[in-house]
Each structure stands twice: as structure tokens, then as C-alpha cells.
Amino acid sequence: METTLRVLGDGLSIAALAIIAATAQGAWKRIGKDVSIPLLWNRDGKPVARLAKPLGLLAIPLIAIVVLLSFTLTQSTFTKDPIQAMIIFLVRATLAASLALSQLFHLRFAIKTLQDEGTL
């Protein structure tokens, strides 16, 4: 069971990273070269923090790679305890889904903001 959970966790991490990378690539093609990407918005929906295109589009993918692959790189998924294996799997599944959704929401709001500003 532990091996199955480890493989499933790796699969979910890879799927999440594929979604994150594909959406970042799509946004990269769509957004102009000198456009700054909004990262944070105030309550009125106005951007309060921006980064250059490379940093703005690659921040979440780079964080996701570090977070999702840290379980495999630290060997924490190799355990003989079935309860610990289940907990690690559930944490990995939750993180994968959360990071993929954060990328999708961020890009949706960023593109909408850029369209409203007329820079897209």
C-alpha cells in the first residue's frame, strides 16, 4: 500500500505541475514582452503589486516545483507505516490541487486586469 500511495502522490504532483506549466506557457504567449504582471489586488480590484513578466508568470510554477518535489527529494515518501504513508499522500494531494488552483486563479485575474487596462 505504501508504494501505491507514493506512486499516486508522484502522479498527482506531475499532473499538477503539467497544468501549472501549460497555463503559464499559454499566458506567456498571450502577454506582451514589456507588460508587468499584477500579483496582488486591493478590495476594489485594483492591482497593488506587479512584477516583470518572467517573474510574474514563473513565480507560482517555481514554488510549486520546490514544494511538490520536496517530498520525493527528501525521501519522506519512503515509509513502512501505512498511516504515515496515507497522511503524506493526502498532504501531497492537497498541495498539488491547491497550487494548481492558485495558478489558475492568479492567471485568470491577471489576464482580466490586463484586458481591462488595454495592455493585452
N, C-alpha and C. Protein backbone atom coordinates (compact mmCIF):
# COMPACT_ATOMS: atom_id res chain seq x y z
N MET A 1 0.81 -1.19 0.00
CA MET A 1 0.00 0.00 0.00
C MET A 1 0.86 1.27 0.00
N GLU A 2 1.98 1.24 0.71
CA GLU A 2 2.83 2.42 0.79
C GLU A 2 3.40 2.79 -0.57
N THR A 3 3.80 1.77 -1.34
CA THR A 3 4.34 2.02 -2.68
C THR A 3 3.26 2.60 -3.59
N THR A 4 2.06 2.08 -3.50
CA THR A 4 0.95 2.58 -4.32
C THR A 4 0.66 4.04 -4.00
N LEU A 5 0.64 4.39 -2.73
CA LEU A 5 0.38 5.77 -2.34
C LEU A 5 1.51 6.69 -2.79
N ARG A 6 2.75 6.21 -2.74
CA ARG A 6 3.88 7.01 -3.19
C ARG A 6 3.78 7.28 -4.70
N VAL A 7 3.44 6.25 -5.47
CA VAL A 7 3.31 6.41 -6.92
C VAL A 7 2.13 7.32 -7.27
N LEU A 8 1.01 7.14 -6.57
CA LEU A 8 -0.14 8.02 -6.80
C LEU A 8 0.20 9.47 -6.45
N GLY A 9 0.92 9.68 -5.37
CA GLY A 9 1.34 11.03 -4.99
C GLY A 9 2.25 11.65 -6.04
N ASP A 10 3.17 10.86 -6.56
CA ASP A 10 4.03 11.35 -7.64
C ASP A 10 3.20 11.71 -8.87
N GLY A 11 2.24 10.87 -9.19
CA GLY A 11 1.38 11.13 -10.35
C GLY A 11 0.57 12.41 -10.19
N LEU A 12 0.01 12.62 -9.00
CA LEU A 12 -0.74 13.86 -8.75
C LEU A 12 0.17 15.08 -8.83
N SER A 13 1.38 14.96 -8.31
CA SER A 13 2.32 16.08 -8.38
C SER A 13 2.69 16.40 -9.82
N ILE A 14 2.92 15.36 -10.61
CA ILE A 14 3.27 15.56 -12.02
C ILE A 14 2.10 16.17 -12.78
N ALA A 15 0.89 15.70 -12.51
CA ALA A 15 -0.30 16.25 -13.17
C ALA A 15 -0.48 17.73 -12.82
N ALA A 16 -0.31 18.06 -11.54
CA ALA A 16 -0.44 19.46 -11.12
C ALA A 16 0.63 20.32 -11.78
N LEU A 17 1.86 19.84 -11.82
CA LEU A 17 2.93 20.61 -12.46
C LEU A 17 2.69 20.78 -13.96
N ALA A 18 2.10 19.77 -14.59
CA ALA A 18 1.77 19.88 -16.01
C ALA A 18 0.71 20.95 -16.25
N ILE A 19 -0.30 21.00 -15.39
CA ILE A 19 -1.34 22.02 -15.51
C ILE A 19 -0.74 23.41 -15.28
N ILE A 20 0.08 23.53 -14.27
CA ILE A 20 0.70 24.81 -13.95
C ILE A 20 1.60 25.28 -15.08
N ALA A 21 2.41 24.37 -15.62
CA ALA A 21 3.32 24.73 -16.72
C ALA A 21 2.56 25.09 -17.99
N ALA A 22 1.51 24.33 -18.30
CA ALA A 22 0.74 24.59 -19.52
C ALA A 22 0.04 25.95 -19.45
N THR A 23 -0.52 26.28 -18.29
CA THR A 23 -1.20 27.57 -18.18
C THR A 23 -0.20 28.73 -18.20
N ALA A 24 0.96 28.54 -17.60
CA ALA A 24 1.99 29.58 -17.63
C ALA A 24 2.48 29.80 -19.06
N GLN A 25 2.65 28.72 -19.79
CA GLN A 25 3.10 28.84 -21.18
C GLN A 25 2.05 29.54 -22.04
N GLY A 26 0.79 29.19 -21.83
CA GLY A 26 -0.29 29.85 -22.58
C GLY A 26 -0.35 31.34 -22.28
N ALA A 27 -0.20 31.70 -21.02
CA ALA A 27 -0.21 33.12 -20.65
C ALA A 27 1.02 33.83 -21.20
N TRP A 28 2.16 33.15 -21.20
CA TRP A 28 3.40 33.74 -21.72
C TRP A 28 3.23 34.13 -23.19
N LYS A 29 2.61 33.26 -23.97
CA LYS A 29 2.40 33.54 -25.39
C LYS A 29 1.41 34.69 -25.59
N ARG A 30 0.47 34.82 -24.68
CA ARG A 30 -0.62 35.78 -24.84
C ARG A 30 -0.24 37.18 -24.37
N ILE A 31 0.65 37.28 -23.40
CA ILE A 31 1.00 38.56 -22.78
C ILE A 31 2.24 39.13 -23.46
N GLY A 32 2.21 40.43 -23.73
CA GLY A 32 3.30 41.11 -24.40
C GLY A 32 4.60 41.11 -23.61
N LYS A 33 5.66 41.47 -24.29
CA LYS A 33 7.01 41.37 -23.72
C LYS A 33 7.25 42.32 -22.55
N ASP A 34 6.83 43.55 -22.65
CA ASP A 34 7.14 44.55 -21.62
C ASP A 34 6.01 44.79 -20.63
N VAL A 35 5.08 43.87 -20.55
CA VAL A 35 3.93 44.03 -19.66
C VAL A 35 4.29 43.52 -18.27
N SER A 36 3.93 44.30 -17.25
CA SER A 36 4.15 43.84 -15.87
C SER A 36 2.90 43.10 -15.40
N ILE A 37 3.12 42.01 -14.70
CA ILE A 37 2.03 41.11 -14.29
C ILE A 37 1.55 41.49 -12.89
N PRO A 38 0.24 41.73 -12.74
CA PRO A 38 -0.28 42.01 -11.40
C PRO A 38 -0.23 40.76 -10.52
N LEU A 39 0.18 40.95 -9.27
CA LEU A 39 0.26 39.84 -8.33
C LEU A 39 -0.74 39.95 -7.20
N LEU A 40 -0.96 41.15 -6.70
CA LEU A 40 -1.87 41.38 -5.59
C LEU A 40 -2.88 42.46 -5.97
N TRP A 41 -4.09 42.30 -5.47
CA TRP A 41 -5.15 43.25 -5.73
C TRP A 41 -5.72 43.75 -4.41
N ASN A 42 -6.19 45.00 -4.38
CA ASN A 42 -6.85 45.50 -3.18
C ASN A 42 -8.34 45.12 -3.23
N ARG A 43 -9.09 45.57 -2.27
CA ARG A 43 -10.52 45.19 -2.20
C ARG A 43 -11.33 45.73 -3.36
N ASP A 44 -10.85 46.79 -3.97
CA ASP A 44 -11.55 47.37 -5.12
C ASP A 44 -11.22 46.67 -6.43
N GLY A 45 -10.31 45.72 -6.39
CA GLY A 45 -9.91 45.00 -7.59
C GLY A 45 -8.80 45.66 -8.37
N LYS A 46 -8.18 46.67 -7.79
CA LYS A 46 -7.06 47.34 -8.45
C LYS A 46 -5.75 46.67 -8.04
N PRO A 47 -4.86 46.45 -9.01
CA PRO A 47 -3.58 45.81 -8.66
C PRO A 47 -2.71 46.73 -7.79
N VAL A 48 -2.13 46.15 -6.74
CA VAL A 48 -1.26 46.92 -5.84
C VAL A 48 0.19 46.46 -5.92
N ALA A 49 0.43 45.30 -6.51
CA ALA A 49 1.80 44.81 -6.67
C ALA A 49 1.93 44.16 -8.05
N ARG A 50 3.02 44.47 -8.70
CA ARG A 50 3.30 43.92 -10.04
C ARG A 50 4.74 43.46 -10.12
N LEU A 51 4.98 42.51 -11.01
CA LEU A 51 6.33 42.05 -11.31
C LEU A 51 6.52 42.01 -12.82
N ALA A 52 7.77 41.99 -13.24
CA ALA A 52 8.07 41.83 -14.66
C ALA A 52 7.52 40.49 -15.14
N LYS A 53 7.28 40.39 -16.41
CA LYS A 53 6.65 39.19 -16.99
C LYS A 53 7.32 37.88 -16.57
N PRO A 54 8.65 37.74 -16.68
CA PRO A 54 9.25 36.45 -16.29
C PRO A 54 9.00 36.08 -14.83
N LEU A 55 9.17 37.03 -13.93
CA LEU A 55 8.96 36.74 -12.51
C LEU A 55 7.48 36.54 -12.20
N GLY A 56 6.63 37.36 -12.80
CA GLY A 56 5.20 37.27 -12.53
C GLY A 56 4.57 35.98 -13.00
N LEU A 57 5.03 35.47 -14.13
CA LEU A 57 4.45 34.23 -14.66
C LEU A 57 5.13 32.97 -14.15
N LEU A 58 6.36 33.09 -13.69
CA LEU A 58 7.08 31.89 -13.25
C LEU A 58 7.18 31.74 -11.74
N ALA A 59 6.62 32.67 -10.97
CA ALA A 59 6.71 32.59 -9.51
C ALA A 59 5.99 31.35 -8.98
N ILE A 60 4.75 31.18 -9.33
CA ILE A 60 3.97 30.03 -8.83
C ILE A 60 4.53 28.72 -9.36
N PRO A 61 4.87 28.60 -10.66
CA PRO A 61 5.45 27.34 -11.11
C PRO A 61 6.74 26.95 -10.38
N LEU A 62 7.61 27.91 -10.11
CA LEU A 62 8.85 27.59 -9.40
C LEU A 62 8.58 27.18 -7.95
N ILE A 63 7.67 27.87 -7.29
CA ILE A 63 7.30 27.50 -5.93
C ILE A 63 6.69 26.11 -5.92
N ALA A 64 5.83 25.83 -6.91
CA ALA A 64 5.18 24.51 -6.99
C ALA A 64 6.20 23.39 -7.18
N ILE A 65 7.20 23.62 -8.01
CA ILE A 65 8.23 22.60 -8.23
C ILE A 65 8.95 22.29 -6.93
N VAL A 66 9.35 23.33 -6.23
CA VAL A 66 10.07 23.14 -4.97
C VAL A 66 9.21 22.41 -3.95
N VAL A 67 7.97 22.85 -3.78
CA VAL A 67 7.09 22.27 -2.76
C VAL A 67 6.73 20.82 -3.11
N LEU A 68 6.30 20.59 -4.34
CA LEU A 68 5.80 19.26 -4.69
C LEU A 68 6.92 18.21 -4.81
N LEU A 69 8.08 18.63 -5.27
CA LEU A 69 9.15 17.65 -5.40
C LEU A 69 9.97 17.49 -4.12
N SER A 70 9.74 18.35 -3.15
CA SER A 70 10.49 18.23 -1.90
C SER A 70 10.18 16.93 -1.17
N PHE A 71 8.97 16.42 -1.32
CA PHE A 71 8.63 15.15 -0.67
C PHE A 71 9.46 14.00 -1.25
N THR A 72 9.61 13.98 -2.55
CA THR A 72 10.39 12.92 -3.18
C THR A 72 11.89 13.11 -2.92
N LEU A 73 12.36 14.34 -3.03
CA LEU A 73 13.79 14.60 -2.86
C LEU A 73 14.27 14.34 -1.43
N THR A 74 13.41 14.54 -0.45
CA THR A 74 13.80 14.31 0.95
C THR A 74 13.55 12.87 1.37
N GLN A 75 13.03 12.06 0.48
CA GLN A 75 12.76 10.65 0.75
C GLN A 75 11.68 10.45 1.83
N SER A 76 10.88 11.48 2.10
CA SER A 76 9.85 11.35 3.14
C SER A 76 8.70 10.46 2.70
N THR A 77 8.59 10.17 1.41
CA THR A 77 7.51 9.30 0.94
C THR A 77 7.85 7.82 1.13
N PHE A 78 9.10 7.52 1.42
CA PHE A 78 9.50 6.13 1.64
C PHE A 78 9.31 5.78 3.12
N THR A 79 8.17 5.21 3.44
CA THR A 79 7.87 4.85 4.81
C THR A 79 7.19 3.49 4.84
N LYS A 80 7.35 2.79 5.93
CA LYS A 80 6.73 1.48 6.09
C LYS A 80 5.41 1.57 6.87
N ASP A 81 5.18 2.71 7.53
CA ASP A 81 3.99 2.90 8.32
C ASP A 81 2.82 3.30 7.41
N PRO A 82 1.75 2.48 7.33
CA PRO A 82 0.65 2.80 6.42
C PRO A 82 -0.09 4.09 6.78
N ILE A 83 -0.20 4.41 8.04
CA ILE A 83 -0.88 5.65 8.45
C ILE A 83 -0.07 6.86 8.01
N GLN A 84 1.24 6.80 8.23
CA GLN A 84 2.10 7.91 7.81
C GLN A 84 2.09 8.04 6.28
N ALA A 85 2.09 6.92 5.57
CA ALA A 85 2.03 6.95 4.11
C ALA A 85 0.73 7.61 3.63
N MET A 86 -0.38 7.31 4.29
CA MET A 86 -1.66 7.90 3.92
C MET A 86 -1.67 9.40 4.20
N ILE A 87 -1.12 9.80 5.32
CA ILE A 87 -1.07 11.22 5.66
C ILE A 87 -0.22 11.99 4.65
N ILE A 88 0.94 11.44 4.31
CA ILE A 88 1.82 12.09 3.33
C ILE A 88 1.13 12.18 1.97
N PHE A 89 0.44 11.12 1.58
CA PHE A 89 -0.29 11.15 0.31
C PHE A 89 -1.36 12.24 0.31
N LEU A 90 -2.12 12.34 1.39
CA LEU A 90 -3.19 13.34 1.46
C LEU A 90 -2.63 14.76 1.47
N VAL A 91 -1.52 14.96 2.13
CA VAL A 91 -0.88 16.28 2.11
C VAL A 91 -0.41 16.61 0.70
N ARG A 92 0.20 15.66 0.04
CA ARG A 92 0.67 15.88 -1.34
C ARG A 92 -0.50 16.17 -2.27
N ALA A 93 -1.59 15.44 -2.13
CA ALA A 93 -2.76 15.65 -2.99
C ALA A 93 -3.35 17.04 -2.75
N THR A 94 -3.44 17.44 -1.49
CA THR A 94 -3.99 18.76 -1.17
C THR A 94 -3.09 19.86 -1.70
N LEU A 95 -1.79 19.72 -1.51
CA LEU A 95 -0.86 20.73 -2.03
C LEU A 95 -0.90 20.83 -3.55
N ALA A 96 -0.95 19.69 -4.22
CA ALA A 96 -0.99 19.69 -5.69
C ALA A 96 -2.22 20.42 -6.19
N ALA A 97 -3.37 20.10 -5.62
CA ALA A 97 -4.61 20.76 -6.05
C ALA A 97 -4.59 22.24 -5.71
N SER A 98 -4.10 22.59 -4.53
CA SER A 98 -4.07 24.00 -4.10
C SER A 98 -3.15 24.83 -4.99
N LEU A 99 -1.99 24.30 -5.31
CA LEU A 99 -1.05 25.05 -6.15
C LEU A 99 -1.57 25.20 -7.58
N ALA A 100 -2.18 24.14 -8.12
CA ALA A 100 -2.74 24.24 -9.47
C ALA A 100 -3.88 25.25 -9.50
N LEU A 101 -4.75 25.22 -8.51
CA LEU A 101 -5.85 26.18 -8.46
C LEU A 101 -5.35 27.60 -8.25
N SER A 102 -4.32 27.78 -7.44
CA SER A 102 -3.79 29.13 -7.24
C SER A 102 -3.22 29.69 -8.54
N GLN A 103 -2.59 28.84 -9.33
CA GLN A 103 -2.08 29.28 -10.64
C GLN A 103 -3.24 29.67 -11.57
N LEU A 104 -4.27 28.84 -11.60
CA LEU A 104 -5.41 29.14 -12.47
C LEU A 104 -6.11 30.43 -12.07
N PHE A 105 -6.34 30.61 -10.77
CA PHE A 105 -7.00 31.84 -10.31
C PHE A 105 -6.11 33.06 -10.55
N HIS A 106 -4.84 32.94 -10.26
CA HIS A 106 -3.94 34.08 -10.47
C HIS A 106 -3.92 34.51 -11.93
N LEU A 107 -3.78 33.55 -12.83
CA LEU A 107 -3.73 33.91 -14.25
C LEU A 107 -5.06 34.46 -14.75
N ARG A 108 -6.16 33.93 -14.23
CA ARG A 108 -7.47 34.44 -14.63
C ARG A 108 -7.61 35.91 -14.23
N PHE A 109 -7.27 36.23 -12.98
CA PHE A 109 -7.38 37.62 -12.53
C PHE A 109 -6.36 38.52 -13.21
N ALA A 110 -5.16 38.01 -13.43
CA ALA A 110 -4.13 38.82 -14.09
C ALA A 110 -4.53 39.15 -15.52
N ILE A 111 -5.02 38.17 -16.24
CA ILE A 111 -5.42 38.42 -17.64
C ILE A 111 -6.63 39.34 -17.70
N LYS A 112 -7.57 39.16 -16.79
CA LYS A 112 -8.73 40.05 -16.76
C LYS A 112 -8.29 41.49 -16.47
N THR A 113 -7.38 41.67 -15.52
CA THR A 113 -6.87 43.00 -15.21
C THR A 113 -6.17 43.61 -16.41
N LEU A 114 -5.33 42.82 -17.07
CA LEU A 114 -4.61 43.33 -18.24
C LEU A 114 -5.56 43.67 -19.38
N GLN A 115 -6.62 42.89 -19.55
CA GLN A 115 -7.62 43.21 -20.58
C GLN A 115 -8.35 44.51 -20.24
N ASP A 116 -8.71 44.67 -18.97
CA ASP A 116 -9.39 45.90 -18.55
C ASP A 116 -8.51 47.13 -18.74
N GLU A 117 -7.21 46.96 -18.57
CA GLU A 117 -6.27 48.07 -18.75
C GLU A 117 -5.92 48.31 -20.22
N GLY A 118 -6.29 47.36 -21.08
CA GLY A 118 -6.00 47.51 -22.50
C GLY A 118 -4.58 47.14 -22.89
N THR A 119 -3.88 46.43 -22.05
CA THR A 119 -2.49 46.05 -22.37
C THR A 119 -2.39 44.63 -22.92
N LEU A 120 -3.50 43.99 -23.08
CA LEU A 120 -3.48 42.62 -23.61
C LEU A 120 -4.10 42.58 -24.98
